[in-house]
Amino acid sequence: MTDRCQINRSVFVREMSQEQGSGPDPNVVAVILAAGRSLRMGPKNKLVEKLGAKSVLHHVVTALQESQISSVIVVLGHESERIQNDLAREDVTYVMNPDYEQGIGTSISAGIRSVDKSAKGAVIMLGDMPLISAKTIDKLVHDFNRNPRAEIVVPTYEDQPGNPVLWSNRFFPQLSSLRGDRGGKLLIKENSDAVWFCPVESKSVHIDVDTLHDLARVRATDGFRS
């Protein structure tokens, strides 16, 4: 009975925050992984490559800022000064990951360890997914706030899972312990009872920019054609 009451109180708090308006939701923050070396791009840093007037990473930041996310953390590593210059006018918090060359797990860990303890959840956002919209982010936040089982919210398009993933603070200790090139996939597999699949209307949850071919393909989409 005690556990049940605790769960219901947590859900009640999340729902109250969501119903208070369309502004930022103080329950949920975002962690953008922007520390990698873009090895498949050759000498280029994919995150600062331009798509229209903004960089790949800048489009990601804009989508999050236009959503109900309350704050945005950017995890830095490779070419950190260049990325900070690219986002110079944006209201974001920077966190350095000195171990970024060891893999994505170290960036997730660095980002989650910097999240305010009052946060109920965090969206782990790849910095190379510029087509993600605020609408998609808000759908994740909505499902997280409305469903007591939604502790790992995974977007799906045409029944296929994608990114970003919204994690309940229940999993912050495990995420903070990630090392090397291990991301969150194993945690999702090991905690299937906590996974909530969230259907979205855009295939953007499957589109990232890893190669020059990917970059050209995104540049050819509506809104980015030159």
C-alpha atoms as a PDB file:
ATOM      1  CA  MET A   1       0.000   0.000   0.000  1.00  0.00           C
ATOM      2  CA  THR A   2       2.829   2.420   0.843  1.00  0.00           C
ATOM      3  CA  ASP A   3       4.536   1.916  -2.524  1.00  0.00           C
ATOM      4  CA  ARG A   4       1.240   2.473  -4.326  1.00  0.00           C
ATOM      5  CA  CYS A   5       0.688   5.765  -2.522  1.00  0.00           C
ATOM      6  CA  GLN A   6       4.203   6.935  -3.329  1.00  0.00           C
ATOM      7  CA  ILE A   7       3.716   6.208  -7.014  1.00  0.00           C
ATOM      8  CA  ASN A   8       0.383   8.041  -7.104  1.00  0.00           C
ATOM      9  CA  ARG A   9       1.835  11.103  -5.378  1.00  0.00           C
ATOM     10  CA  SER A  10       4.623  11.250  -7.933  1.00  0.00           C
ATOM     11  CA  VAL A  11       2.186  11.007 -10.830  1.00  0.00           C
ATOM     12  CA  PHE A  12      -0.059  13.644  -9.221  1.00  0.00           C
ATOM     13  CA  VAL A  13       2.839  16.096  -9.008  1.00  0.00           C
ATOM     14  CA  ARG A  14       3.770  15.432 -12.643  1.00  0.00           C
ATOM     15  CA  GLU A  15       0.174  15.926 -13.823  1.00  0.00           C
ATOM     16  CA  MET A  16      -0.276  19.136 -11.834  1.00  0.00           C
ATOM     17  CA  SER A  17       2.821  20.623 -13.462  1.00  0.00           C
ATOM     18  CA  GLN A  18       1.599  19.680 -16.921  1.00  0.00           C
ATOM     19  CA  GLU A  19      -1.837  21.216 -16.319  1.00  0.00           C
ATOM     20  CA  GLN A  20      -0.567  24.549 -15.034  1.00  0.00           C
ATOM     21  CA  GLY A  21      -0.066  25.939 -18.523  1.00  0.00           C
ATOM     22  CA  SER A  22       1.701  25.625 -21.810  1.00  0.00           C
ATOM     23  CA  GLY A  23       4.968  27.064 -20.522  1.00  0.00           C
ATOM     24  CA  PRO A  24       8.079  25.155 -19.482  1.00  0.00           C
ATOM     25  CA  ASP A  25       7.533  22.009 -17.429  1.00  0.00           C
ATOM     26  CA  PRO A  26       9.840  22.175 -14.387  1.00  0.00           C
ATOM     27  CA  ASN A  27       9.734  18.396 -14.105  1.00  0.00           C
ATOM     28  CA  VAL A  28      11.673  17.676 -17.291  1.00  0.00           C
ATOM     29  CA  VAL A  29      15.069  18.833 -18.556  1.00  0.00           C
ATOM     30  CA  ALA A  30      17.055  17.954 -21.663  1.00  0.00           C
ATOM     31  CA  VAL A  31      20.609  16.686 -22.011  1.00  0.00           C
ATOM     32  CA  ILE A  32      22.102  17.134 -25.493  1.00  0.00           C
ATOM     33  CA  LEU A  33      25.054  14.910 -26.333  1.00  0.00           C
ATOM     34  CA  ALA A  34      27.446  17.134 -28.301  1.00  0.00           C
ATOM     35  CA  ALA A  35      30.877  15.847 -27.290  1.00  0.00           C
ATOM     36  CA  GLY A  36      31.670  13.346 -30.051  1.00  0.00           C
ATOM     37  CA  ARG A  37      34.326  13.577 -32.753  1.00  0.00           C
ATOM     38  CA  SER A  38      32.101  12.941 -35.812  1.00  0.00           C
ATOM     39  CA  LEU A  39      34.546  10.305 -37.059  1.00  0.00           C
ATOM     40  CA  ARG A  40      32.319   9.205 -39.938  1.00  0.00           C
ATOM     41  CA  MET A  41      32.316  12.787 -41.243  1.00  0.00           C
ATOM     42  CA  GLY A  42      36.052  12.848 -41.873  1.00  0.00           C
ATOM     43  CA  PRO A  43      37.601  16.218 -40.951  1.00  0.00           C
ATOM     44  CA  LYS A  44      34.237  17.951 -40.516  1.00  0.00           C
ATOM     45  CA  ASN A  45      32.385  18.426 -37.246  1.00  0.00           C
ATOM     46  CA  LYS A  46      28.836  17.477 -38.179  1.00  0.00           C
ATOM     47  CA  LEU A  47      27.287  19.421 -35.318  1.00  0.00           C
ATOM     48  CA  VAL A  48      28.362  22.809 -36.687  1.00  0.00           C
ATOM     49  CA  GLU A  49      27.598  22.047 -40.332  1.00  0.00           C
ATOM     50  CA  LYS A  50      24.945  24.436 -41.634  1.00  0.00           C
ATOM     51  CA  LEU A  51      21.349  23.579 -42.432  1.00  0.00           C
ATOM     52  CA  GLY A  52      19.948  26.808 -43.753  1.00  0.00           C
ATOM     53  CA  ALA A  53      20.829  29.621 -41.366  1.00  0.00           C
ATOM     54  CA  LYS A  54      21.616  27.397 -38.384  1.00  0.00           C
ATOM     55  CA  SER A  55      23.942  24.540 -37.564  1.00  0.00           C
ATOM     56  CA  VAL A  56      22.781  20.949 -37.077  1.00  0.00           C
ATOM     57  CA  LEU A  57      23.163  21.318 -33.313  1.00  0.00           C
ATOM     58  CA  HIS A  58      21.513  24.730 -33.247  1.00  0.00           C
ATOM     59  CA  HIS A  59      18.351  23.268 -34.779  1.00  0.00           C
ATOM     60  CA  VAL A  60      18.266  20.688 -31.964  1.00  0.00           C
ATOM     61  CA  VAL A  61      18.633  23.400 -29.317  1.00  0.00           C
ATOM     62  CA  THR A  62      15.886  25.482 -30.923  1.00  0.00           C
ATOM     63  CA  ALA A  63      13.432  22.578 -30.946  1.00  0.00           C
ATOM     64  CA  LEU A  64      14.027  21.932 -27.258  1.00  0.00           C
ATOM     65  CA  GLN A  65      13.713  25.613 -26.346  1.00  0.00           C
ATOM     66  CA  GLU A  66      10.416  25.841 -28.217  1.00  0.00           C
ATOM     67  CA  SER A  67       9.101  22.784 -26.345  1.00  0.00           C
ATOM     68  CA  GLN A  68       7.944  22.425 -22.747  1.00  0.00           C
ATOM     69  CA  ILE A  69      11.424  21.412 -21.616  1.00  0.00           C
ATOM     70  CA  SER A  70      12.435  23.631 -18.704  1.00  0.00           C
ATOM     71  CA  SER A  71      16.195  23.759 -19.275  1.00  0.00           C
ATOM     72  CA  VAL A  72      18.799  22.502 -21.714  1.00  0.00           C
ATOM     73  CA  ILE A  73      22.186  21.022 -20.837  1.00  0.00           C
ATOM     74  CA  VAL A  74      24.789  20.620 -23.580  1.00  0.00           C
ATOM     75  CA  VAL A  75      27.551  18.083 -22.970  1.00  0.00           C
ATOM     76  CA  LEU A  76      30.805  19.213 -24.583  1.00  0.00           C
ATOM     77  CA  GLY A  77      34.061  17.501 -25.479  1.00  0.00           C
ATOM     78  CA  HIS A  78      35.490  17.641 -29.008  1.00  0.00           C
ATOM     79  CA  GLU A  79      35.883  21.226 -30.298  1.00  0.00           C
ATOM     80  CA  SER A  80      34.032  22.578 -27.286  1.00  0.00           C
ATOM     81  CA  GLU A  81      34.915  26.234 -27.936  1.00  0.00           C
ATOM     82  CA  ARG A  82      33.644  26.012 -31.493  1.00  0.00           C
ATOM     83  CA  ILE A  83      30.309  24.641 -30.306  1.00  0.00           C
ATOM     84  CA  GLN A  84      29.991  27.271 -27.585  1.00  0.00           C
ATOM     85  CA  ASN A  85      30.618  29.973 -30.174  1.00  0.00           C
ATOM     86  CA  ASP A  86      27.923  28.462 -32.382  1.00  0.00           C
ATOM     87  CA  LEU A  87      25.422  28.619 -29.508  1.00  0.00           C
ATOM     88  CA  ALA A  88      26.733  31.858 -28.034  1.00  0.00           C
ATOM     89  CA  ARG A  89      23.338  33.553 -27.770  1.00  0.00           C
ATOM     90  CA  GLU A  90      21.410  30.564 -26.500  1.00  0.00           C
ATOM     91  CA  ASP A  91      20.288  30.026 -22.920  1.00  0.00           C
ATOM     92  CA  VAL A  92      21.882  26.647 -22.267  1.00  0.00           C
ATOM     93  CA  THR A  93      24.088  25.132 -19.582  1.00  0.00           C
ATOM     94  CA  TYR A  94      27.413  23.600 -20.626  1.00  0.00           C
ATOM     95  CA  VAL A  95      28.989  20.553 -19.048  1.00  0.00           C
ATOM     96  CA  MET A  96      32.453  19.350 -20.033  1.00  0.00           C
ATOM     97  CA  ASN A  97      33.108  15.645 -20.496  1.00  0.00           C
ATOM     98  CA  PRO A  98      36.877  15.139 -20.311  1.00  0.00           C
ATOM     99  CA  ASP A  99      36.423  11.445 -21.160  1.00  0.00           C
ATOM    100  CA  TYR A 100      34.392  11.963 -24.359  1.00  0.00           C
ATOM    101  CA  GLU A 101      36.839   9.937 -26.476  1.00  0.00           C
ATOM    102  CA  GLN A 102      35.902   6.833 -24.464  1.00  0.00           C
ATOM    103  CA  GLY A 103      32.355   6.811 -25.847  1.00  0.00           C
ATOM    104  CA  ILE A 104      28.776   8.001 -25.558  1.00  0.00           C
ATOM    105  CA  GLY A 105      28.258   6.472 -22.115  1.00  0.00           C
ATOM    106  CA  THR A 106      30.637   8.986 -20.560  1.00  0.00           C
ATOM    107  CA  SER A 107      28.643  11.875 -22.056  1.00  0.00           C
ATOM    108  CA  ILE A 108      25.327  10.522 -20.811  1.00  0.00           C
ATOM    109  CA  SER A 109      26.887  10.132 -17.374  1.00  0.00           C
ATOM    110  CA  ALA A 110      28.324  13.655 -17.343  1.00  0.00           C
ATOM    111  CA  GLY A 111      25.027  15.149 -18.463  1.00  0.00           C
ATOM    112  CA  ILE A 112      22.799  13.291 -16.014  1.00  0.00           C
ATOM    113  CA  ARG A 113      25.112  14.024 -13.102  1.00  0.00           C
ATOM    114  CA  SER A 114      24.606  17.736 -13.797  1.00  0.00           C
ATOM    115  CA  VAL A 115      20.786  17.574 -13.797  1.00  0.00           C
ATOM    116  CA  ASP A 116      19.108  19.377 -10.908  1.00  0.00           C
ATOM    117  CA  LYS A 117      17.985  16.967  -8.204  1.00  0.00           C
ATOM    118  CA  SER A 118      14.436  18.331  -8.367  1.00  0.00           C
ATOM    119  CA  ALA A 119      13.947  17.088 -11.950  1.00  0.00           C
ATOM    120  CA  LYS A 120      11.545  14.181 -12.378  1.00  0.00           C
ATOM    121  CA  GLY A 121      12.871  13.260 -15.815  1.00  0.00           C
ATOM    122  CA  ALA A 122      15.391  14.024 -18.540  1.00  0.00           C
ATOM    123  CA  VAL A 123      15.304  13.775 -22.312  1.00  0.00           C
ATOM    124  CA  ILE A 124      18.568  12.354 -23.641  1.00  0.00           C
ATOM    125  CA  MET A 125      18.922  14.086 -26.998  1.00  0.00           C
ATOM    126  CA  LEU A 126      21.486  13.348 -29.695  1.00  0.00           C
ATOM    127  CA  GLY A 127      23.024  16.519 -31.060  1.00  0.00           C
ATOM    128  CA  ASP A 128      22.851  15.287 -34.644  1.00  0.00           C
ATOM    129  CA  MET A 129      19.051  14.983 -35.020  1.00  0.00           C
ATOM    130  CA  PRO A 130      18.110  18.391 -36.494  1.00  0.00           C
ATOM    131  CA  LEU A 131      14.670  17.396 -37.777  1.00  0.00           C
ATOM    132  CA  ILE A 132      13.231  16.715 -34.321  1.00  0.00           C
ATOM    133  CA  SER A 133      10.444  19.196 -33.573  1.00  0.00           C
ATOM    134  CA  ALA A 134       9.088  20.751 -30.396  1.00  0.00           C
ATOM    135  CA  LYS A 135       5.828  18.914 -31.095  1.00  0.00           C
ATOM    136  CA  THR A 136       7.587  15.553 -30.869  1.00  0.00           C
ATOM    137  CA  ILE A 137       9.356  16.543 -27.642  1.00  0.00           C
ATOM    138  CA  ASP A 138       6.096  17.725 -26.105  1.00  0.00           C
ATOM    139  CA  LYS A 139       4.420  14.412 -26.960  1.00  0.00           C
ATOM    140  CA  LEU A 140       7.090  12.593 -24.932  1.00  0.00           C
ATOM    141  CA  VAL A 141       6.643  14.999 -22.023  1.00  0.00           C
ATOM    142  CA  HIS A 142       2.857  14.628 -22.178  1.00  0.00           C
ATOM    143  CA  ASP A 143       3.003  10.829 -22.044  1.00  0.00           C
ATOM    144  CA  PHE A 144       5.554  10.956 -19.233  1.00  0.00           C
ATOM    145  CA  ASN A 145       3.329  13.199 -17.137  1.00  0.00           C
ATOM    146  CA  ARG A 146       0.084  11.338 -17.814  1.00  0.00           C
ATOM    147  CA  ASN A 147       1.069   7.699 -17.423  1.00  0.00           C
ATOM    148  CA  PRO A 148       2.418   6.172 -14.203  1.00  0.00           C
ATOM    149  CA  ARG A 149       4.137   3.387 -16.171  1.00  0.00           C
ATOM    150  CA  ALA A 150       5.923   5.819 -18.461  1.00  0.00           C
ATOM    151  CA  GLU A 151       9.343   5.804 -16.824  1.00  0.00           C
ATOM    152  CA  ILE A 152      11.295   5.278 -20.046  1.00  0.00           C
ATOM    153  CA  VAL A 153       9.414   7.010 -22.866  1.00  0.00           C
ATOM    154  CA  VAL A 154      10.570   5.837 -26.312  1.00  0.00           C
ATOM    155  CA  PRO A 155       9.197   7.510 -29.461  1.00  0.00           C
ATOM    156  CA  THR A 156       8.042   5.241 -32.274  1.00  0.00           C
ATOM    157  CA  TYR A 157       7.308   5.939 -35.912  1.00  0.00           C
ATOM    158  CA  GLU A 158       5.594   3.200 -37.910  1.00  0.00           C
ATOM    159  CA  ASP A 159       6.098   0.905 -34.897  1.00  0.00           C
ATOM    160  CA  GLN A 160       9.879   1.339 -34.935  1.00  0.00           C
ATOM    161  CA  PRO A 161      11.604   2.881 -31.882  1.00  0.00           C
ATOM    162  CA  GLY A 162      13.767   5.957 -32.227  1.00  0.00           C
ATOM    163  CA  ASN A 163      15.256   8.881 -30.314  1.00  0.00           C
ATOM    164  CA  PRO A 164      15.226  10.930 -28.135  1.00  0.00           C
ATOM    165  CA  VAL A 165      14.272   8.955 -25.037  1.00  0.00           C
ATOM    166  CA  LEU A 166      12.795  10.501 -21.897  1.00  0.00           C
ATOM    167  CA  TRP A 167      14.057   8.886 -18.679  1.00  0.00           C
ATOM    168  CA  SER A 168      12.489   9.042 -15.238  1.00  0.00           C
ATOM    169  CA  ASN A 169      14.806  10.081 -12.416  1.00  0.00           C
ATOM    170  CA  ARG A 170      14.437   6.520 -11.139  1.00  0.00           C
ATOM    171  CA  PHE A 171      17.083   5.633 -13.726  1.00  0.00           C
ATOM    172  CA  PHE A 172      19.433   8.558 -13.121  1.00  0.00           C
ATOM    173  CA  PRO A 173      21.800   6.466 -10.951  1.00  0.00           C
ATOM    174  CA  GLN A 174      22.190   3.835 -13.695  1.00  0.00           C
ATOM    175  CA  LEU A 175      22.609   6.471 -16.400  1.00  0.00           C
ATOM    176  CA  SER A 176      25.192   8.278 -14.272  1.00  0.00           C
ATOM    177  CA  SER A 177      27.180   5.053 -14.034  1.00  0.00           C
ATOM    178  CA  LEU A 178      27.459   4.453 -17.783  1.00  0.00           C
ATOM    179  CA  ARG A 179      30.978   4.154 -19.152  1.00  0.00           C
ATOM    180  CA  GLY A 180      32.674   3.635 -22.495  1.00  0.00           C
ATOM    181  CA  ASP A 181      30.568   3.347 -25.620  1.00  0.00           C
ATOM    182  CA  ARG A 182      27.555   1.858 -23.840  1.00  0.00           C
ATOM    183  CA  GLY A 183      24.398   3.959 -24.191  1.00  0.00           C
ATOM    184  CA  GLY A 184      20.953   3.356 -22.780  1.00  0.00           C
ATOM    185  CA  LYS A 185      19.834   0.470 -25.018  1.00  0.00           C
ATOM    186  CA  LEU A 186      20.717  -2.243 -22.513  1.00  0.00           C
ATOM    187  CA  LEU A 187      18.897  -0.403 -19.722  1.00  0.00           C
ATOM    188  CA  ILE A 188      15.811  -0.246 -21.923  1.00  0.00           C
ATOM    189  CA  LYS A 189      16.064  -3.959 -22.617  1.00  0.00           C
ATOM    190  CA  GLU A 190      16.566  -4.812 -18.950  1.00  0.00           C
ATOM    191  CA  ASN A 191      13.641  -2.658 -17.796  1.00  0.00           C
ATOM    192  CA  SER A 192      10.964  -3.452 -20.371  1.00  0.00           C
ATOM    193  CA  ASP A 193       8.237  -3.137 -17.722  1.00  0.00           C
ATOM    194  CA  ALA A 194       9.065   0.571 -17.389  1.00  0.00           C
ATOM    195  CA  VAL A 195       9.156   1.308 -21.137  1.00  0.00           C
ATOM    196  CA  TRP A 196       6.332   3.342 -22.645  1.00  0.00           C
ATOM    197  CA  PHE A 197       6.236   3.449 -26.439  1.00  0.00           C
ATOM    198  CA  CYS A 198       5.028   6.835 -27.651  1.00  0.00           C
ATOM    199  CA  PRO A 199       3.783   6.935 -31.283  1.00  0.00           C
ATOM    200  CA  VAL A 200       4.711  10.164 -33.056  1.00  0.00           C
ATOM    201  CA  GLU A 201       3.782  11.573 -36.450  1.00  0.00           C
ATOM    202  CA  SER A 202       7.267  12.257 -37.777  1.00  0.00           C
ATOM    203  CA  LYS A 203      10.034   9.992 -39.026  1.00  0.00           C
ATOM    204  CA  SER A 204      12.505  12.532 -37.630  1.00  0.00           C
ATOM    205  CA  VAL A 205      12.974  10.223 -34.627  1.00  0.00           C
ATOM    206  CA  HIS A 206      14.849   7.887 -37.001  1.00  0.00           C
ATOM    207  CA  ILE A 207      16.974  10.512 -38.786  1.00  0.00           C
ATOM    208  CA  ASP A 208      20.426  11.555 -37.619  1.00  0.00           C
ATOM    209  CA  VAL A 209      23.434  13.020 -39.403  1.00  0.00           C
ATOM    210  CA  ASP A 210      26.418  10.682 -39.304  1.00  0.00           C
ATOM    211  CA  THR A 211      27.878  10.991 -42.805  1.00  0.00           C
ATOM    212  CA  LEU A 212      28.162  13.494 -45.636  1.00  0.00           C
ATOM    213  CA  HIS A 213      25.448  11.523 -47.419  1.00  0.00           C
ATOM    214  CA  ASP A 214      23.141  11.951 -44.412  1.00  0.00           C
ATOM    215  CA  LEU A 215      23.876  15.677 -44.364  1.00  0.00           C
ATOM    216  CA  ALA A 216      23.071  16.038 -48.061  1.00  0.00           C
ATOM    217  CA  ARG A 217      19.834  14.103 -47.605  1.00  0.00           C
ATOM    218  CA  VAL A 218      18.700  16.355 -44.755  1.00  0.00           C
ATOM    219  CA  ARG A 219      19.665  19.476 -46.701  1.00  0.00           C
ATOM    220  CA  ALA A 220      17.383  18.258 -49.506  1.00  0.00           C
ATOM    221  CA  THR A 221      14.326  18.123 -47.232  1.00  0.00           C
ATOM    222  CA  ASP A 222      11.653  20.811 -47.139  1.00  0.00           C
ATOM    223  CA  GLY A 223      12.846  23.894 -45.314  1.00  0.00           C
ATOM    224  CA  PHE A 224      16.543  23.284 -45.934  1.00  0.00           C
ATOM    225  CA  ARG A 225      16.671  23.294 -49.743  1.00  0.00           C
ATOM    226  CA  SER A 226      18.993  26.015 -51.019  1.00  0.00           C
END
